[in-house]
Protein backbone atom coordinates (compact mmCIF):
# COMPACT_ATOMS: atom_id res chain seq x y z
CA MET A 1 73.37 86.95 94.32
CA THR A 2 71.80 83.63 93.29
CA ALA A 3 73.00 80.08 93.78
CA SER A 4 71.50 78.42 90.70
CA ALA A 5 69.97 74.97 90.80
CA PRO A 6 66.67 73.49 89.64
CA GLY A 7 63.83 73.07 92.08
CA LYS A 8 62.32 75.05 94.90
CA GLN A 9 63.16 78.74 95.24
CA VAL A 10 64.54 80.19 98.50
CA LEU A 11 64.91 83.92 99.18
CA ALA A 12 67.42 84.56 101.98
CA VAL A 13 67.00 88.04 103.48
CA ILE A 14 70.09 88.98 105.50
CA PRO A 15 70.20 92.71 106.40
CA ALA A 16 73.53 94.49 106.13
CA GLU A 17 73.69 94.93 109.91
CA ALA A 18 73.42 91.13 110.27
CA GLY A 19 76.25 90.45 107.83
CA GLY A 20 74.47 91.00 104.53
CA ARG A 21 75.51 89.15 101.39
CA ALA A 22 78.68 87.67 102.89
CA VAL A 23 76.70 85.87 105.59
CA GLY A 24 73.95 85.10 103.07
CA ALA A 25 76.43 83.38 100.74
CA GLN A 26 77.61 81.15 103.58
CA LEU A 27 74.00 80.39 104.44
CA ALA A 28 73.17 79.54 100.82
CA SER A 29 76.04 77.06 100.74
CA LEU A 30 74.35 75.01 103.46
CA PHE A 31 71.52 74.02 101.12
CA GLY A 32 73.65 72.11 98.64
CA THR A 33 72.23 71.36 95.22
CA GLY A 34 68.61 71.07 94.18
CA PHE A 35 67.43 74.52 95.18
CA VAL A 36 67.66 78.09 93.87
CA VAL A 37 68.85 80.38 96.68
CA THR A 38 68.78 84.14 96.12
CA VAL A 39 70.49 86.31 98.75
CA VAL A 40 69.32 89.87 99.35
CA GLU A 41 69.77 92.45 102.11
CA THR A 42 66.17 93.71 102.10
CA THR A 43 62.96 91.91 101.18
CA ASP A 44 62.23 94.61 98.56
CA GLU A 45 65.58 94.27 96.84
CA ASP A 46 64.64 91.60 94.29
CA LEU A 47 60.87 91.51 93.82
CA LEU A 48 61.16 89.00 90.96
CA ALA A 49 62.91 86.54 93.28
CA LEU A 50 60.35 87.24 96.00
CA GLY A 51 57.56 86.55 93.51
CA ARG A 52 59.09 83.16 92.68
CA ALA A 53 59.99 82.19 96.25
CA HIS A 54 58.59 79.10 97.92
CA VAL A 55 60.55 79.90 101.09
CA VAL A 56 61.70 83.17 102.66
CA LEU A 57 64.51 82.71 105.16
CA THR A 58 64.91 85.98 107.04
CA GLY A 59 67.49 87.11 109.54
CA LEU A 60 65.55 90.05 111.02
CA GLY A 61 64.54 91.38 107.59
CA ARG A 62 60.90 92.48 107.67
CA VAL A 63 58.28 90.39 105.86
CA THR A 64 55.13 92.48 105.56
CA ALA A 65 51.65 91.84 104.22
CA GLU A 66 52.73 93.62 101.02
CA HIS A 67 55.66 91.25 100.57
CA ILE A 68 53.44 88.23 101.14
CA ALA A 69 50.90 89.54 98.61
CA VAL A 70 53.46 89.50 95.78
CA ALA A 71 54.70 85.98 96.56
CA PRO A 72 51.95 83.67 95.28
CA ASP A 73 54.01 80.48 95.73
CA LEU A 74 55.25 81.26 99.24
CA GLU A 75 54.79 78.34 101.63
CA LEU A 76 57.25 78.93 104.49
CA ILE A 77 58.77 81.91 106.28
CA GLN A 78 61.72 80.76 108.36
CA CYS A 79 63.01 83.26 110.94
CA ALA A 80 66.71 82.92 111.74
CA SER A 81 66.10 84.06 115.32
CA HIS A 82 64.04 83.33 118.40
CA GLY A 83 61.95 86.44 117.73
CA PHE A 84 59.45 86.64 114.90
CA ASP A 85 57.91 90.08 115.44
CA TYR A 86 59.26 91.32 112.09
CA VAL A 87 56.90 88.99 110.19
CA ASP A 88 53.23 89.88 109.61
CA LEU A 89 51.75 86.75 111.17
CA ALA A 90 48.16 87.67 110.35
CA ALA A 91 48.98 88.04 106.66
CA ALA A 92 50.89 84.76 106.66
CA ARG A 93 48.05 83.01 108.48
CA SER A 94 45.49 84.30 105.98
CA ARG A 95 47.49 82.60 103.21
CA ARG A 96 48.18 79.46 105.29
CA ILE A 97 51.90 80.17 105.08
CA ILE A 98 53.87 78.44 107.83
CA VAL A 99 56.10 80.64 110.02
CA CYS A 100 58.92 79.08 112.04
CA ASN A 101 61.64 80.37 114.32
CA ILE A 102 64.65 78.57 115.82
CA GLY A 103 63.33 78.48 119.38
CA SER A 104 64.14 74.88 120.26
CA SER A 105 67.66 75.06 118.81
CA ASP A 106 68.92 77.14 121.76
CA ALA A 107 71.21 78.83 119.23
CA GLU A 108 71.06 82.24 120.92
CA VAL A 109 70.37 81.14 124.47
CA GLN A 110 73.86 81.17 125.97
CA ASP A 111 74.92 84.44 124.39
CA VAL A 112 71.77 86.38 125.32
CA ALA A 113 71.97 85.04 128.88
CA GLU A 114 75.62 86.12 129.08
CA GLN A 115 74.79 89.57 127.66
CA THR A 116 72.03 89.92 130.25
CA PHE A 117 74.49 89.27 133.05
CA ALA A 118 77.10 91.54 131.47
CA LEU A 119 74.60 94.41 131.68
CA MET A 120 73.56 93.46 135.22
CA LEU A 121 77.16 93.44 136.43
CA ALA A 122 78.04 96.65 134.56
CA LEU A 123 75.19 98.39 136.39
CA ALA A 124 75.82 96.82 139.80
CA LYS A 125 79.52 97.64 139.72
CA GLN A 126 79.12 101.03 137.97
CA LEU A 127 81.68 99.94 135.38
CA ILE A 128 80.78 102.47 132.71
CA PRO A 129 80.98 105.66 134.83
CA ALA A 130 84.06 104.25 136.59
CA HIS A 131 85.81 103.63 133.26
CA ILE A 132 84.89 107.05 131.86
CA ALA A 133 86.06 108.77 135.05
CA LEU A 134 89.44 107.03 135.02
CA THR A 135 90.06 107.91 131.36
CA GLU A 136 89.51 111.53 132.40
CA ALA A 137 92.00 111.24 135.31
CA ASP A 138 89.14 111.25 137.81
CA TRP A 139 89.51 108.83 140.76
CA ALA A 140 85.75 108.46 141.15
CA LEU A 141 85.65 105.91 143.98
CA PRO A 142 84.37 108.31 146.66
CA ARG A 143 81.58 109.45 144.36
CA LEU A 144 80.59 106.00 143.06
CA GLN A 145 81.03 103.97 146.22
CA HIS A 146 77.53 104.61 147.56
CA SER A 147 75.91 103.26 144.39
CA ILE A 148 78.00 100.10 143.88
CA THR A 149 76.08 96.98 144.85
CA GLU A 150 76.05 93.17 144.59
CA LEU A 151 74.04 90.45 142.90
CA HIS A 152 74.50 88.01 145.79
CA GLY A 153 71.37 87.67 147.92
CA LYS A 154 69.28 89.94 145.70
CA THR A 155 65.96 89.09 144.04
CA LEU A 156 66.11 88.35 140.32
CA GLY A 157 62.78 88.80 138.54
CA VAL A 158 62.56 87.12 135.13
CA ILE A 159 59.74 88.15 132.80
CA GLY A 160 59.45 85.23 130.37
CA LEU A 161 60.81 81.87 131.55
CA GLY A 162 61.53 80.46 128.10
CA HIS A 163 64.85 78.92 127.10
CA ILE A 164 66.79 82.17 127.62
CA GLY A 165 64.91 83.02 130.81
CA GLN A 166 65.79 79.62 132.23
CA GLU A 167 69.49 80.16 131.49
CA VAL A 168 69.36 83.58 133.15
CA ALA A 169 67.65 82.04 136.19
CA ARG A 170 70.29 79.29 136.34
CA ARG A 171 73.05 81.90 136.35
CA GLY A 172 71.19 83.87 138.99
CA ALA A 173 71.12 80.81 141.22
CA ALA A 174 74.90 80.57 140.85
CA PHE A 175 75.08 84.08 142.32
CA ASP A 176 72.85 82.95 145.23
CA MET A 177 70.01 85.16 144.01
CA ASP A 178 66.38 84.56 144.94
CA ILE A 179 64.55 83.81 141.66
CA VAL A 180 61.00 84.88 140.88
CA TYR A 181 59.38 84.80 137.45
CA ASN A 182 56.28 85.67 135.50
CA ASP A 183 55.19 83.78 132.41
CA PRO A 184 51.77 83.26 130.82
CA LEU A 185 52.40 79.51 130.55
CA ASP A 186 51.23 77.50 133.53
CA THR A 187 53.13 74.40 132.39
CA LEU A 188 56.53 75.45 133.75
CA THR A 189 56.14 74.06 137.27
CA GLU A 190 58.72 71.30 136.83
CA VAL A 191 61.22 73.71 135.23
CA ALA A 192 60.62 76.30 137.95
CA ASP A 193 61.08 73.69 140.68
CA ARG A 194 64.40 72.64 139.18
CA LEU A 195 65.52 76.28 139.08
CA ARG A 196 64.08 76.97 142.53
CA ALA A 197 62.11 79.80 140.95
CA ARG A 198 58.83 81.07 142.34
CA ARG A 199 56.00 82.22 140.10
CA VAL A 200 54.43 85.58 140.96
CA GLU A 201 52.11 88.03 139.25
CA LEU A 202 53.84 90.61 137.08
CA ASP A 203 53.06 93.58 139.33
CA GLU A 204 54.38 91.68 142.34
CA LEU A 205 57.57 90.82 140.45
CA LEU A 206 58.11 94.50 139.68
CA ARG A 207 57.57 95.46 143.33
CA ILE A 208 59.96 92.95 144.90
CA SER A 209 62.77 92.44 142.38
CA ASP A 210 66.19 94.05 142.59
CA TYR A 211 67.03 93.07 139.02
CA ILE A 212 64.14 92.91 136.54
CA ILE A 213 64.97 91.01 133.36
CA VAL A 214 62.72 91.38 130.32
CA LEU A 215 62.83 88.24 128.17
CA ALA A 216 59.27 87.94 126.86
CA PRO A 217 58.54 87.73 123.13
CA LEU A 218 57.14 90.85 121.48
CA THR A 219 53.45 90.42 120.68
CA GLU A 220 50.50 92.80 120.71
CA ALA A 221 49.91 91.67 124.30
CA THR A 222 53.47 92.51 125.39
CA ARG A 223 53.99 95.77 123.47
CA HIS A 224 54.65 98.42 126.17
CA LEU A 225 54.02 95.74 128.79
CA ILE A 226 56.31 97.80 131.03
CA ASP A 227 54.73 101.26 130.85
CA ALA A 228 54.77 104.29 133.13
CA GLY A 229 52.24 102.73 135.50
CA ARG A 230 54.24 99.56 135.93
CA LEU A 231 57.54 101.42 136.22
CA ALA A 232 55.99 103.27 139.15
CA LEU A 233 55.83 99.92 140.99
CA VAL A 234 59.59 99.38 140.76
CA LYS A 235 61.60 100.19 143.86
CA PRO A 236 64.17 103.00 143.52
CA THR A 237 67.12 100.65 144.14
CA ALA A 238 66.16 98.25 141.34
CA PHE A 239 67.66 97.82 137.88
CA ILE A 240 65.79 96.90 134.67
CA ILE A 241 67.52 94.95 131.91
CA ASN A 242 65.94 94.42 128.48
CA THR A 243 67.56 91.88 126.17
CA ALA A 244 64.31 90.81 124.44
CA ARG A 245 62.69 93.46 122.21
CA GLY A 246 62.77 97.24 122.58
CA ALA A 247 59.03 97.81 122.25
CA ILE A 248 58.20 95.69 125.33
CA ILE A 249 59.21 98.69 127.45
CA ASP A 250 57.83 102.19 126.86
CA GLN A 251 61.19 103.85 126.16
CA ASP A 252 60.02 107.37 127.03
CA ALA A 253 58.53 106.16 130.30
CA LEU A 254 61.82 104.41 131.12
CA ALA A 255 63.76 107.60 130.35
CA ASP A 256 61.36 109.54 132.63
CA ALA A 257 62.00 107.09 135.48
CA LEU A 258 65.77 107.26 135.04
CA GLU A 259 65.87 111.04 134.77
CA ALA A 260 63.74 111.38 137.90
CA GLY A 261 65.87 108.87 139.82
CA ARG A 262 62.87 106.61 140.43
CA ILE A 263 64.90 103.51 139.48
CA ALA A 264 68.59 102.81 139.98
CA GLY A 265 69.47 102.11 136.36
CA ALA A 266 68.73 100.25 133.15
CA GLY A 267 70.64 97.91 130.87
CA VAL A 268 69.31 97.95 127.32
CA ASP A 269 70.48 95.83 124.37
CA VAL A 270 67.34 96.26 122.22
CA PHE A 271 65.57 99.33 120.90
CA ASP A 272 62.46 100.43 119.04
CA PRO A 273 63.32 101.07 116.25
CA GLU A 274 66.73 99.60 115.52
CA PRO A 275 69.06 101.28 115.10
CA PRO A 276 67.64 103.99 117.38
CA THR A 277 67.41 107.58 116.24
CA ALA A 278 69.53 110.31 117.79
CA ALA A 279 66.35 111.62 119.46
CA LEU A 280 66.07 108.56 121.73
CA ARG A 281 66.21 109.91 125.27
CA LEU A 282 67.71 106.71 126.66
CA LEU A 283 70.94 107.56 124.85
CA ARG A 284 71.39 110.51 127.20
CA ALA A 285 69.67 109.14 130.33
CA PRO A 286 71.64 108.70 133.55
CA ASN A 287 72.66 105.30 134.93
CA VAL A 288 72.33 103.27 131.76
CA ALA A 289 74.41 100.53 130.17
CA LEU A 290 73.60 100.33 126.46
CA SER A 291 74.66 97.94 123.70
CA PRO A 292 73.60 97.73 120.02
CA HIS A 293 71.64 94.45 120.10
CA VAL A 294 74.80 92.38 120.46
CA GLY A 295 73.03 89.61 122.39
CA GLY A 296 72.83 86.68 119.99
CA VAL A 297 75.51 87.69 117.48
CA THR A 298 78.73 86.09 118.67
CA ARG A 299 80.71 84.08 116.13
CA GLU A 300 79.56 80.87 117.77
CA THR A 301 75.93 81.96 117.93
CA LEU A 302 75.74 82.98 114.26
CA ILE A 303 76.97 79.55 113.21
CA ARG A 304 74.33 77.85 115.36
CA ILE A 305 71.59 80.16 114.04
CA ALA A 306 72.51 79.53 110.41
CA LEU A 307 72.62 75.78 110.89
CA ALA A 308 69.29 75.70 112.74
CA ALA A 309 67.46 77.86 110.19
CA ALA A 310 68.93 76.13 107.16
CA SER A 311 68.21 72.69 108.63
CA ASN A 312 64.56 73.53 109.10
CA VAL A 313 64.26 74.87 105.55
CA ARG A 314 65.85 71.68 104.24
CA ARG A 315 63.35 69.65 106.25
CA PHE A 316 60.54 71.56 104.58
CA LEU A 317 61.97 71.24 101.08
CA GLU A 318 62.50 67.52 101.55
CA GLY A 319 59.00 66.95 102.95
CA GLU A 320 60.04 66.23 106.54
CA PRO A 321 58.24 67.50 109.68
CA LEU A 322 59.16 71.06 110.70
CA THR A 323 60.33 72.25 114.10
CA ASP A 324 59.43 75.48 115.90
CA VAL A 325 56.22 76.33 114.05
CA VAL A 326 54.93 79.58 115.55
CA SER A 327 52.07 80.21 113.11
């Protein structure tokens, strides 16, 4: 589907699971006249349009080195998300193609923070096994009572104190939780002071936290950041929640820890790959709360994401300074 107009060419890649052509058509309408906007559901779908594109706007659709190689006029890859791990940054960098996300827009921040706490509370209050038991006429209170716990007074460990991490920490403070964090940036002192959060080394965070929240970006440095060795540091009463990217945690190692009862439970909204295959052991692991990457896809969030991404593309096309350049 193409919105025809003279000028720069934009390829909008909106996968079917993110709304596909219907969402893409709404996104294309934000550009107005003066541009040619082609909407596809995969980057491979229209190679002629890719070859003509000056801009690729992608909502989690992969942009590989092969895609970049067949797009000689490509100047900007705009990610309609905080994450940008689905773009080959090295290939883009080698061509001096700018890559942006929507990090400073805070478009997804509130929803992902809320989803994080939804998973925390589901685990703490054993909502999923309690619901299943009641639907099977099983009054499970005597069996579940020993494992139901609170957030109040517990230690919340946040891995990645970016915009979402800060919102999670702020909510943790509202529950009277003790906040610790780990982040490679050493420029967050003022933010941490405002949140009353204490910086600790990652291994220390894993040892002392009751709720471990993974909110780091996925990079080569953070892939399997939480592996079997680090999971061994976690205390058996602690919960791990991942609302960042699936590959930051070694999923098999997490399943091992859950099956062996070495941690109390896990809340997972992100998987590697997505959607996960039926062979994923986490789907059958005990004490899990799972959701299909719903953090960041509320009606309100999708509107904010579309506006933020489209606004940055318009800035580029009109020769204005870009925001959120990641490469």
